[in-house]
Amino acid sequence: CRVGAGEKINNLKQEASRDLFQTPPDLCQLPQARGPCKAALHRYFYNSTSNACEPFTYGGCQGNDNNFETTEMCLRICKAPGSQTEWKSGDL
């Protein structure tokens, strides 16, 4: 369990919500990270190659901050303003 990681993510998300014209934060460049634990949590990560939020299964520990509970939060933080939203199957 990473102490303070949730608070760090919440602060980044609040900053991104306030400034619609900022560039995506560094966390959006991080690769998908399942982590070594065995939980099967449905999450989304921002794929900087495809410029889209994509689903993945998070193991519950030791992932990274490119890990969002919803596509909406992922897009709000990582999608560049004015770009077209790309939805993956299962998002609707």
PDB file of N, CA and C in Angstrom:
ATOM      1  N   CYS A   1       0.848  -1.173   0.000  1.00  0.00           N
ATOM      2  CA  CYS A   1       0.000   0.000   0.000  1.00  0.00           C
ATOM      3  C   CYS A   1       0.896   1.239   0.000  1.00  0.00           C
ATOM      4  N   ARG A   2       0.677   2.137  -0.934  1.00  0.00           N
ATOM      5  CA  ARG A   2       1.502   3.339  -1.016  1.00  0.00           C
ATOM      6  C   ARG A   2       0.807   4.475  -0.279  1.00  0.00           C
ATOM      7  N   VAL A   3       1.380   4.907   0.797  1.00  0.00           N
ATOM      8  CA  VAL A   3       0.810   5.991   1.575  1.00  0.00           C
ATOM      9  C   VAL A   3       1.006   7.298   0.818  1.00  0.00           C
ATOM     10  N   GLY A   4      -0.062   8.055   0.689  1.00  0.00           N
ATOM     11  CA  GLY A   4       0.023   9.358   0.045  1.00  0.00           C
ATOM     12  C   GLY A   4      -0.163   9.343  -1.456  1.00  0.00           C
ATOM     13  N   ALA A   5      -0.169   8.185  -2.086  1.00  0.00           N
ATOM     14  CA  ALA A   5      -0.313   8.126  -3.542  1.00  0.00           C
ATOM     15  C   ALA A   5      -1.677   8.637  -3.975  1.00  0.00           C
ATOM     16  N   GLY A   6      -2.724   8.261  -3.247  1.00  0.00           N
ATOM     17  CA  GLY A   6      -4.070   8.723  -3.588  1.00  0.00           C
ATOM     18  C   GLY A   6      -4.189  10.229  -3.469  1.00  0.00           C
ATOM     19  N   GLU A   7      -3.575  10.791  -2.437  1.00  0.00           N
ATOM     20  CA  GLU A   7      -3.607  12.238  -2.255  1.00  0.00           C
ATOM     21  C   GLU A   7      -2.874  12.935  -3.397  1.00  0.00           C
ATOM     22  N   LYS A   8      -1.749  12.384  -3.818  1.00  0.00           N
ATOM     23  CA  LYS A   8      -0.987  12.949  -4.935  1.00  0.00           C
ATOM     24  C   LYS A   8      -1.830  12.953  -6.206  1.00  0.00           C
ATOM     25  N   ILE A   9      -2.507  11.835  -6.475  1.00  0.00           N
ATOM     26  CA  ILE A   9      -3.345  11.734  -7.670  1.00  0.00           C
ATOM     27  C   ILE A   9      -4.501  12.724  -7.584  1.00  0.00           C
ATOM     28  N   ASN A  10      -5.150  12.817  -6.418  1.00  0.00           N
ATOM     29  CA  ASN A  10      -6.258  13.756  -6.266  1.00  0.00           C
ATOM     30  C   ASN A  10      -5.810  15.184  -6.511  1.00  0.00           C
ATOM     31  N   ASN A  11      -4.640  15.558  -6.016  1.00  0.00           N
ATOM     32  CA  ASN A  11      -4.123  16.908  -6.247  1.00  0.00           C
ATOM     33  C   ASN A  11      -3.880  17.155  -7.725  1.00  0.00           C
ATOM     34  N   LEU A  12      -3.289  16.185  -8.420  1.00  0.00           N
ATOM     35  CA  LEU A  12      -3.064  16.328  -9.859  1.00  0.00           C
ATOM     36  C   LEU A  12      -4.379  16.455 -10.609  1.00  0.00           C
ATOM     37  N   LYS A  13      -5.358  15.662 -10.224  1.00  0.00           N
ATOM     38  CA  LYS A  13      -6.654  15.691 -10.892  1.00  0.00           C
ATOM     39  C   LYS A  13      -7.349  17.028 -10.661  1.00  0.00           C
ATOM     40  N   GLN A  14      -7.251  17.579  -9.463  1.00  0.00           N
ATOM     41  CA  GLN A  14      -7.853  18.877  -9.181  1.00  0.00           C
ATOM     42  C   GLN A  14      -7.173  19.973  -9.988  1.00  0.00           C
ATOM     43  N   GLU A  15      -5.853  19.940 -10.082  1.00  0.00           N
ATOM     44  CA  GLU A  15      -5.127  20.929 -10.871  1.00  0.00           C
ATOM     45  C   GLU A  15      -5.530  20.857 -12.335  1.00  0.00           C
ATOM     46  N   ALA A  16      -5.650  19.658 -12.869  1.00  0.00           N
ATOM     47  CA  ALA A  16      -6.026  19.489 -14.273  1.00  0.00           C
ATOM     48  C   ALA A  16      -7.445  19.972 -14.517  1.00  0.00           C
ATOM     49  N   SER A  17      -8.338  19.759 -13.568  1.00  0.00           N
ATOM     50  CA  SER A  17      -9.722  20.199 -13.720  1.00  0.00           C
ATOM     51  C   SER A  17      -9.809  21.721 -13.767  1.00  0.00           C
ATOM     52  N   ARG A  18      -8.937  22.407 -13.041  1.00  0.00           N
ATOM     53  CA  ARG A  18      -8.964  23.868 -12.998  1.00  0.00           C
ATOM     54  C   ARG A  18      -8.419  24.503 -14.266  1.00  0.00           C
ATOM     55  N   ASP A  19      -7.481  23.870 -14.921  1.00  0.00           N
ATOM     56  CA  ASP A  19      -6.819  24.470 -16.077  1.00  0.00           C
ATOM     57  C   ASP A  19      -7.036  23.599 -17.305  1.00  0.00           C
ATOM     58  N   LEU A  20      -8.034  23.957 -18.095  1.00  0.00           N
ATOM     59  CA  LEU A  20      -8.388  23.146 -19.258  1.00  0.00           C
ATOM     60  C   LEU A  20      -7.351  23.205 -20.368  1.00  0.00           C
ATOM     61  N   PHE A  21      -6.436  24.159 -20.304  1.00  0.00           N
ATOM     62  CA  PHE A  21      -5.477  24.339 -21.389  1.00  0.00           C
ATOM     63  C   PHE A  21      -4.082  23.840 -21.053  1.00  0.00           C
ATOM     64  N   GLN A  22      -3.926  23.187 -19.930  1.00  0.00           N
ATOM     65  CA  GLN A  22      -2.601  22.677 -19.593  1.00  0.00           C
ATOM     66  C   GLN A  22      -2.279  21.456 -20.436  1.00  0.00           C
ATOM     67  N   THR A  23      -0.999  21.197 -20.608  1.00  0.00           N
ATOM     68  CA  THR A  23      -0.594  19.984 -21.316  1.00  0.00           C
ATOM     69  C   THR A  23      -0.799  18.797 -20.384  1.00  0.00           C
ATOM     70  N   PRO A  24      -0.979  17.610 -20.935  1.00  0.00           N
ATOM     71  CA  PRO A  24      -1.185  16.444 -20.071  1.00  0.00           C
ATOM     72  C   PRO A  24      -0.013  16.260 -19.113  1.00  0.00           C
ATOM     73  N   PRO A  25      -0.305  15.916 -17.856  1.00  0.00           N
ATOM     74  CA  PRO A  25       0.777  15.706 -16.885  1.00  0.00           C
ATOM     75  C   PRO A  25       1.636  14.499 -17.245  1.00  0.00           C
ATOM     76  N   ASP A  26       2.819  14.459 -16.651  1.00  0.00           N
ATOM     77  CA  ASP A  26       3.765  13.371 -16.916  1.00  0.00           C
ATOM     78  C   ASP A  26       3.166  11.994 -16.656  1.00  0.00           C
ATOM     79  N   LEU A  27       2.243  11.894 -15.706  1.00  0.00           N
ATOM     80  CA  LEU A  27       1.674  10.582 -15.400  1.00  0.00           C
ATOM     81  C   LEU A  27       0.981   9.974 -16.610  1.00  0.00           C
ATOM     82  N   CYS A  28       0.543  10.804 -17.562  1.00  0.00           N
ATOM     83  CA  CYS A  28      -0.134  10.302 -18.762  1.00  0.00           C
ATOM     84  C   CYS A  28       0.836   9.618 -19.724  1.00  0.00           C
ATOM     85  N   GLN A  29       2.129   9.797 -19.516  1.00  0.00           N
ATOM     86  CA  GLN A  29       3.143   9.156 -20.355  1.00  0.00           C
ATOM     87  C   GLN A  29       3.593   7.812 -19.784  1.00  0.00           C
ATOM     88  N   LEU A  30       3.180   7.511 -18.560  1.00  0.00           N
ATOM     89  CA  LEU A  30       3.584   6.253 -17.931  1.00  0.00           C
ATOM     90  C   LEU A  30       2.918   5.072 -18.631  1.00  0.00           C
ATOM     91  N   PRO A  31       3.595   3.926 -18.676  1.00  0.00           N
ATOM     92  CA  PRO A  31       2.998   2.740 -19.298  1.00  0.00           C
ATOM     93  C   PRO A  31       1.907   2.145 -18.406  1.00  0.00           C
ATOM     94  N   GLN A  32       1.098   1.313 -18.990  1.00  0.00           N
ATOM     95  CA  GLN A  32       0.113   0.550 -18.217  1.00  0.00           C
ATOM     96  C   GLN A  32       0.874  -0.294 -17.199  1.00  0.00           C
ATOM     97  N   ALA A  33       0.391  -0.340 -15.954  1.00  0.00           N
ATOM     98  CA  ALA A  33       1.082  -1.122 -14.924  1.00  0.00           C
ATOM     99  C   ALA A  33       0.073  -1.887 -14.082  1.00  0.00           C
ATOM    100  N   ARG A  34      -0.027  -3.182 -14.307  1.00  0.00           N
ATOM    101  CA  ARG A  34      -0.948  -4.046 -13.562  1.00  0.00           C
ATOM    102  C   ARG A  34      -0.530  -4.175 -12.106  1.00  0.00           C
ATOM    103  N   GLY A  35       0.768  -4.277 -11.848  1.00  0.00           N
ATOM    104  CA  GLY A  35       1.270  -4.515 -10.502  1.00  0.00           C
ATOM    105  C   GLY A  35       1.266  -6.007 -10.192  1.00  0.00           C
ATOM    106  N   PRO A  36       1.991  -6.433  -9.141  1.00  0.00           N
ATOM    107  CA  PRO A  36       2.157  -7.852  -8.845  1.00  0.00           C
ATOM    108  C   PRO A  36       1.006  -8.498  -8.061  1.00  0.00           C
ATOM    109  N   CYS A  37       0.110  -7.708  -7.506  1.00  0.00           N
ATOM    110  CA  CYS A  37      -0.969  -8.291  -6.697  1.00  0.00           C
ATOM    111  C   CYS A  37      -2.019  -8.961  -7.577  1.00  0.00           C
ATOM    112  N   LYS A  38      -2.879  -9.741  -6.964  1.00  0.00           N
ATOM    113  CA  LYS A  38      -3.778 -10.634  -7.704  1.00  0.00           C
ATOM    114  C   LYS A  38      -5.226 -10.156  -7.801  1.00  0.00           C
ATOM    115  N   ALA A  39      -5.537  -8.942  -7.352  1.00  0.00           N
ATOM    116  CA  ALA A  39      -6.905  -8.434  -7.509  1.00  0.00           C
ATOM    117  C   ALA A  39      -7.193  -8.260  -9.000  1.00  0.00           C
ATOM    118  N   ALA A  40      -8.440  -8.096  -9.337  1.00  0.00           N
ATOM    119  CA  ALA A  40      -8.828  -7.893 -10.740  1.00  0.00           C
ATOM    120  C   ALA A  40      -9.748  -6.678 -10.807  1.00  0.00           C
ATOM    121  N   LEU A  41      -9.139  -5.484 -10.710  1.00  0.00           N
ATOM    122  CA  LEU A  41      -9.893  -4.236 -10.706  1.00  0.00           C
ATOM    123  C   LEU A  41      -9.932  -3.648 -12.109  1.00  0.00           C
ATOM    124  N   HIS A  42     -11.132  -3.324 -12.583  1.00  0.00           N
ATOM    125  CA  HIS A  42     -11.296  -2.747 -13.920  1.00  0.00           C
ATOM    126  C   HIS A  42     -10.912  -1.271 -13.857  1.00  0.00           C
ATOM    127  N   ARG A  43      -9.860  -0.892 -14.562  1.00  0.00           N
ATOM    128  CA  ARG A  43      -9.364   0.484 -14.570  1.00  0.00           C
ATOM    129  C   ARG A  43      -9.062   0.916 -16.000  1.00  0.00           C
ATOM    130  N   TYR A  44      -8.670   2.187 -16.142  1.00  0.00           N
ATOM    131  CA  TYR A  44      -8.305   2.763 -17.434  1.00  0.00           C
ATOM    132  C   TYR A  44      -6.950   3.442 -17.312  1.00  0.00           C
ATOM    133  N   PHE A  45      -6.168   3.380 -18.379  1.00  0.00           N
ATOM    134  CA  PHE A  45      -4.902   4.103 -18.440  1.00  0.00           C
ATOM    135  C   PHE A  45      -4.887   4.893 -19.737  1.00  0.00           C
ATOM    136  N   TYR A  46      -4.093   5.969 -19.756  1.00  0.00           N
ATOM    137  CA  TYR A  46      -3.965   6.762 -20.968  1.00  0.00           C
ATOM    138  C   TYR A  46      -2.821   6.196 -21.791  1.00  0.00           C
ATOM    139  N   ASN A  47      -3.134   5.775 -23.010  1.00  0.00           N
ATOM    140  CA  ASN A  47      -2.134   5.241 -23.932  1.00  0.00           C
ATOM    141  C   ASN A  47      -1.653   6.411 -24.786  1.00  0.00           C
ATOM    142  N   SER A  48      -0.448   6.897 -24.528  1.00  0.00           N
ATOM    143  CA  SER A  48       0.060   8.071 -25.243  1.00  0.00           C
ATOM    144  C   SER A  48       0.388   7.766 -26.700  1.00  0.00           C
ATOM    145  N   THR A  49       0.491   6.498 -27.063  1.00  0.00           N
ATOM    146  CA  THR A  49       0.720   6.126 -28.460  1.00  0.00           C
ATOM    147  C   THR A  49      -0.565   6.253 -29.272  1.00  0.00           C
ATOM    148  N   SER A  50      -1.664   5.758 -28.730  1.00  0.00           N
ATOM    149  CA  SER A  50      -2.950   5.832 -29.440  1.00  0.00           C
ATOM    150  C   SER A  50      -3.736   7.090 -29.081  1.00  0.00           C
ATOM    151  N   ASN A  51      -3.245   7.864 -28.099  1.00  0.00           N
ATOM    152  CA  ASN A  51      -3.937   9.064 -27.620  1.00  0.00           C
ATOM    153  C   ASN A  51      -5.358   8.756 -27.178  1.00  0.00           C
ATOM    154  N   ALA A  52      -5.516   7.648 -26.463  1.00  0.00           N
ATOM    155  CA  ALA A  52      -6.835   7.233 -25.991  1.00  0.00           C
ATOM    156  C   ALA A  52      -6.723   6.592 -24.610  1.00  0.00           C
ATOM    157  N   CYS A  53      -7.823   6.653 -23.872  1.00  0.00           N
ATOM    158  CA  CYS A  53      -7.912   5.948 -22.600  1.00  0.00           C
ATOM    159  C   CYS A  53      -8.391   4.537 -22.887  1.00  0.00           C
ATOM    160  N   GLU A  54      -7.669   3.565 -22.369  1.00  0.00           N
ATOM    161  CA  GLU A  54      -7.954   2.166 -22.668  1.00  0.00           C
ATOM    162  C   GLU A  54      -8.112   1.377 -21.371  1.00  0.00           C
ATOM    163  N   PRO A  55      -8.973   0.362 -21.388  1.00  0.00           N
ATOM    164  CA  PRO A  55      -9.177  -0.443 -20.180  1.00  0.00           C
ATOM    165  C   PRO A  55      -7.998  -1.378 -19.911  1.00  0.00           C
ATOM    166  N   PHE A  56      -7.798  -1.685 -18.646  1.00  0.00           N
ATOM    167  CA  PHE A  56      -6.840  -2.716 -18.251  1.00  0.00           C
ATOM    168  C   PHE A  56      -7.264  -3.260 -16.896  1.00  0.00           C
ATOM    169  N   THR A  57      -6.677  -4.367 -16.503  1.00  0.00           N
ATOM    170  CA  THR A  57      -6.967  -4.973 -15.208  1.00  0.00           C
ATOM    171  C   THR A  57      -5.826  -4.645 -14.256  1.00  0.00           C
ATOM    172  N   TYR A  58      -6.162  -3.941 -13.167  1.00  0.00           N
ATOM    173  CA  TYR A  58      -5.188  -3.540 -12.156  1.00  0.00           C
ATOM    174  C   TYR A  58      -5.188  -4.578 -11.044  1.00  0.00           C
ATOM    175  N   GLY A  59      -4.005  -4.996 -10.632  1.00  0.00           N
ATOM    176  CA  GLY A  59      -3.865  -6.018  -9.604  1.00  0.00           C
ATOM    177  C   GLY A  59      -4.106  -5.536  -8.186  1.00  0.00           C
ATOM    178  N   GLY A  60      -4.140  -4.220  -7.959  1.00  0.00           N
ATOM    179  CA  GLY A  60      -4.450  -3.694  -6.638  1.00  0.00           C
ATOM    180  C   GLY A  60      -3.280  -3.118  -5.863  1.00  0.00           C
ATOM    181  N   CYS A  61      -2.043  -3.287  -6.349  1.00  0.00           N
ATOM    182  CA  CYS A  61      -0.894  -2.715  -5.645  1.00  0.00           C
ATOM    183  C   CYS A  61       0.264  -2.478  -6.615  1.00  0.00           C
ATOM    184  N   GLN A  62       1.140  -1.561  -6.230  1.00  0.00           N
ATOM    185  CA  GLN A  62       2.398  -1.282  -6.921  1.00  0.00           C
ATOM    186  C   GLN A  62       2.245  -1.017  -8.413  1.00  0.00           C
ATOM    187  N   GLY A  63       1.171  -0.377  -8.802  1.00  0.00           N
ATOM    188  CA  GLY A  63       1.046   0.066 -10.185  1.00  0.00           C
ATOM    189  C   GLY A  63       1.727   1.423 -10.304  1.00  0.00           C
ATOM    190  N   ASN A  64       1.171   2.285 -11.146  1.00  0.00           N
ATOM    191  CA  ASN A  64       1.666   3.656 -11.209  1.00  0.00           C
ATOM    192  C   ASN A  64       0.469   4.605 -11.247  1.00  0.00           C
ATOM    193  N   ASP A  65       0.721   5.891 -11.407  1.00  0.00           N
ATOM    194  CA  ASP A  65      -0.353   6.881 -11.324  1.00  0.00           C
ATOM    195  C   ASP A  65      -1.169   7.018 -12.602  1.00  0.00           C
ATOM    196  N   ASN A  66      -0.793   6.325 -13.673  1.00  0.00           N
ATOM    197  CA  ASN A  66      -1.603   6.319 -14.897  1.00  0.00           C
ATOM    198  C   ASN A  66      -2.650   5.217 -14.723  1.00  0.00           C
ATOM    199  N   ASN A  67      -3.595   5.474 -13.831  1.00  0.00           N
ATOM    200  CA  ASN A  67      -4.553   4.469 -13.372  1.00  0.00           C
ATOM    201  C   ASN A  67      -5.806   5.213 -12.921  1.00  0.00           C
ATOM    202  N   PHE A  68      -6.888   5.082 -13.686  1.00  0.00           N
ATOM    203  CA  PHE A  68      -8.107   5.839 -13.433  1.00  0.00           C
ATOM    204  C   PHE A  68      -9.300   4.904 -13.297  1.00  0.00           C
ATOM    205  N   GLU A  69     -10.233   5.260 -12.427  1.00  0.00           N
ATOM    206  CA  GLU A  69     -11.420   4.435 -12.217  1.00  0.00           C
ATOM    207  C   GLU A  69     -12.426   4.555 -13.353  1.00  0.00           C
ATOM    208  N   THR A  70     -12.426   5.685 -14.073  1.00  0.00           N
ATOM    209  CA  THR A  70     -13.380   5.885 -15.166  1.00  0.00           C
ATOM    210  C   THR A  70     -12.669   6.453 -16.388  1.00  0.00           C
ATOM    211  N   THR A  71     -13.257   6.244 -17.562  1.00  0.00           N
ATOM    212  CA  THR A  71     -12.709   6.858 -18.777  1.00  0.00           C
ATOM    213  C   THR A  71     -12.832   8.370 -18.701  1.00  0.00           C
ATOM    214  N   GLU A  72     -13.902   8.846 -18.074  1.00  0.00           N
ATOM    215  CA  GLU A  72     -14.106  10.291 -17.972  1.00  0.00           C
ATOM    216  C   GLU A  72     -12.957  10.959 -17.224  1.00  0.00           C
ATOM    217  N   MET A  73     -12.542  10.374 -16.095  1.00  0.00           N
ATOM    218  CA  MET A  73     -11.435  10.951 -15.324  1.00  0.00           C
ATOM    219  C   MET A  73     -10.139  10.863 -16.119  1.00  0.00           C
ATOM    220  N   CYS A  74      -9.911   9.753 -16.784  1.00  0.00           N
ATOM    221  CA  CYS A  74      -8.720   9.585 -17.610  1.00  0.00           C
ATOM    222  C   CYS A  74      -8.660  10.666 -18.689  1.00  0.00           C
ATOM    223  N   LEU A  75      -9.765  10.853 -19.390  1.00  0.00           N
ATOM    224  CA  LEU A  75      -9.808  11.862 -20.452  1.00  0.00           C
ATOM    225  C   LEU A  75      -9.653  13.266 -19.893  1.00  0.00           C
ATOM    226  N   ARG A  76     -10.268  13.539 -18.759  1.00  0.00           N
ATOM    227  CA  ARG A  76     -10.196  14.872 -18.160  1.00  0.00           C
ATOM    228  C   ARG A  76      -8.756  15.237 -17.816  1.00  0.00           C
ATOM    229  N   ILE A  77      -7.991  14.262 -17.354  1.00  0.00           N
ATOM    230  CA  ILE A  77      -6.611  14.525 -16.951  1.00  0.00           C
ATOM    231  C   ILE A  77      -5.650  14.505 -18.135  1.00  0.00           C
ATOM    232  N   CYS A  78      -5.826  13.558 -19.045  1.00  0.00           N
ATOM    233  CA  CYS A  78      -4.783  13.288 -20.038  1.00  0.00           C
ATOM    234  C   CYS A  78      -5.081  13.726 -21.465  1.00  0.00           C
ATOM    235  N   LYS A  79      -6.317  13.912 -21.837  1.00  0.00           N
ATOM    236  CA  LYS A  79      -6.629  14.244 -23.229  1.00  0.00           C
ATOM    237  C   LYS A  79      -6.335  15.717 -23.478  1.00  0.00           C
ATOM    238  N   ALA A  80      -5.621  16.010 -24.550  1.00  0.00           N
ATOM    239  CA  ALA A  80      -5.296  17.394 -24.894  1.00  0.00           C
ATOM    240  C   ALA A  80      -6.574  18.145 -25.260  1.00  0.00           C
ATOM    241  N   PRO A  81      -6.714  19.394 -24.824  1.00  0.00           N
ATOM    242  CA  PRO A  81      -7.907  20.175 -25.152  1.00  0.00           C
ATOM    243  C   PRO A  81      -8.096  20.298 -26.663  1.00  0.00           C
ATOM    244  N   GLY A  82      -9.330  20.181 -27.106  1.00  0.00           N
ATOM    245  CA  GLY A  82      -9.644  20.349 -28.518  1.00  0.00           C
ATOM    246  C   GLY A  82      -9.451  19.112 -29.356  1.00  0.00           C
ATOM    247  N   SER A  83      -8.860  18.059 -28.801  1.00  0.00           N
ATOM    248  CA  SER A  83      -8.666  16.844 -29.587  1.00  0.00           C
ATOM    249  C   SER A  83      -9.935  16.009 -29.535  1.00  0.00           C
ATOM    250  N   GLN A  84     -10.093  15.149 -30.506  1.00  0.00           N
ATOM    251  CA  GLN A  84     -11.285  14.318 -30.559  1.00  0.00           C
ATOM    252  C   GLN A  84     -11.186  13.205 -29.532  1.00  0.00           C
ATOM    253  N   THR A  85     -12.297  12.946 -28.873  1.00  0.00           N
ATOM    254  CA  THR A  85     -12.355  11.855 -27.904  1.00  0.00           C
ATOM    255  C   THR A  85     -12.466  10.537 -28.637  1.00  0.00           C
ATOM    256  N   GLU A  86     -11.633   9.597 -28.265  1.00  0.00           N
ATOM    257  CA  GLU A  86     -11.675   8.272 -28.867  1.00  0.00           C
ATOM    258  C   GLU A  86     -12.203   7.298 -27.830  1.00  0.00           C
ATOM    259  N   TRP A  87     -13.326   6.696 -28.096  1.00  0.00           N
ATOM    260  CA  TRP A  87     -13.920   5.741 -27.177  1.00  0.00           C
ATOM    261  C   TRP A  87     -13.587   4.335 -27.620  1.00  0.00           C
ATOM    262  N   LYS A  88     -13.255   3.507 -26.702  1.00  0.00           N
ATOM    263  CA  LYS A  88     -13.005   2.095 -26.967  1.00  0.00           C
ATOM    264  C   LYS A  88     -14.277   1.312 -26.667  1.00  0.00           C
ATOM    265  N   SER A  89     -14.429   0.153 -27.272  1.00  0.00           N
ATOM    266  CA  SER A  89     -15.617  -0.660 -27.035  1.00  0.00           C
ATOM    267  C   SER A  89     -15.753  -0.954 -25.548  1.00  0.00           C
ATOM    268  N   GLY A  90     -16.973  -0.925 -25.067  1.00  0.00           N
ATOM    269  CA  GLY A  90     -17.244  -1.174 -23.662  1.00  0.00           C
ATOM    270  C   GLY A  90     -17.285   0.077 -22.816  1.00  0.00           C
ATOM    271  N   ASP A  91     -16.926   1.235 -23.371  1.00  0.00           N
ATOM    272  CA  ASP A  91     -16.930   2.472 -22.607  1.00  0.00           C
ATOM    273  C   ASP A  91     -18.323   3.061 -22.464  1.00  0.00           C
ATOM    274  N   LEU A  92     -19.224   2.726 -23.368  1.00  0.00           N
ATOM    275  CA  LEU A  92     -20.555   3.323 -23.336  1.00  0.00           C
ATOM    276  C   LEU A  92     -21.505   2.493 -22.524  1.00  0.00           C
TER     277      LEU A  92
END
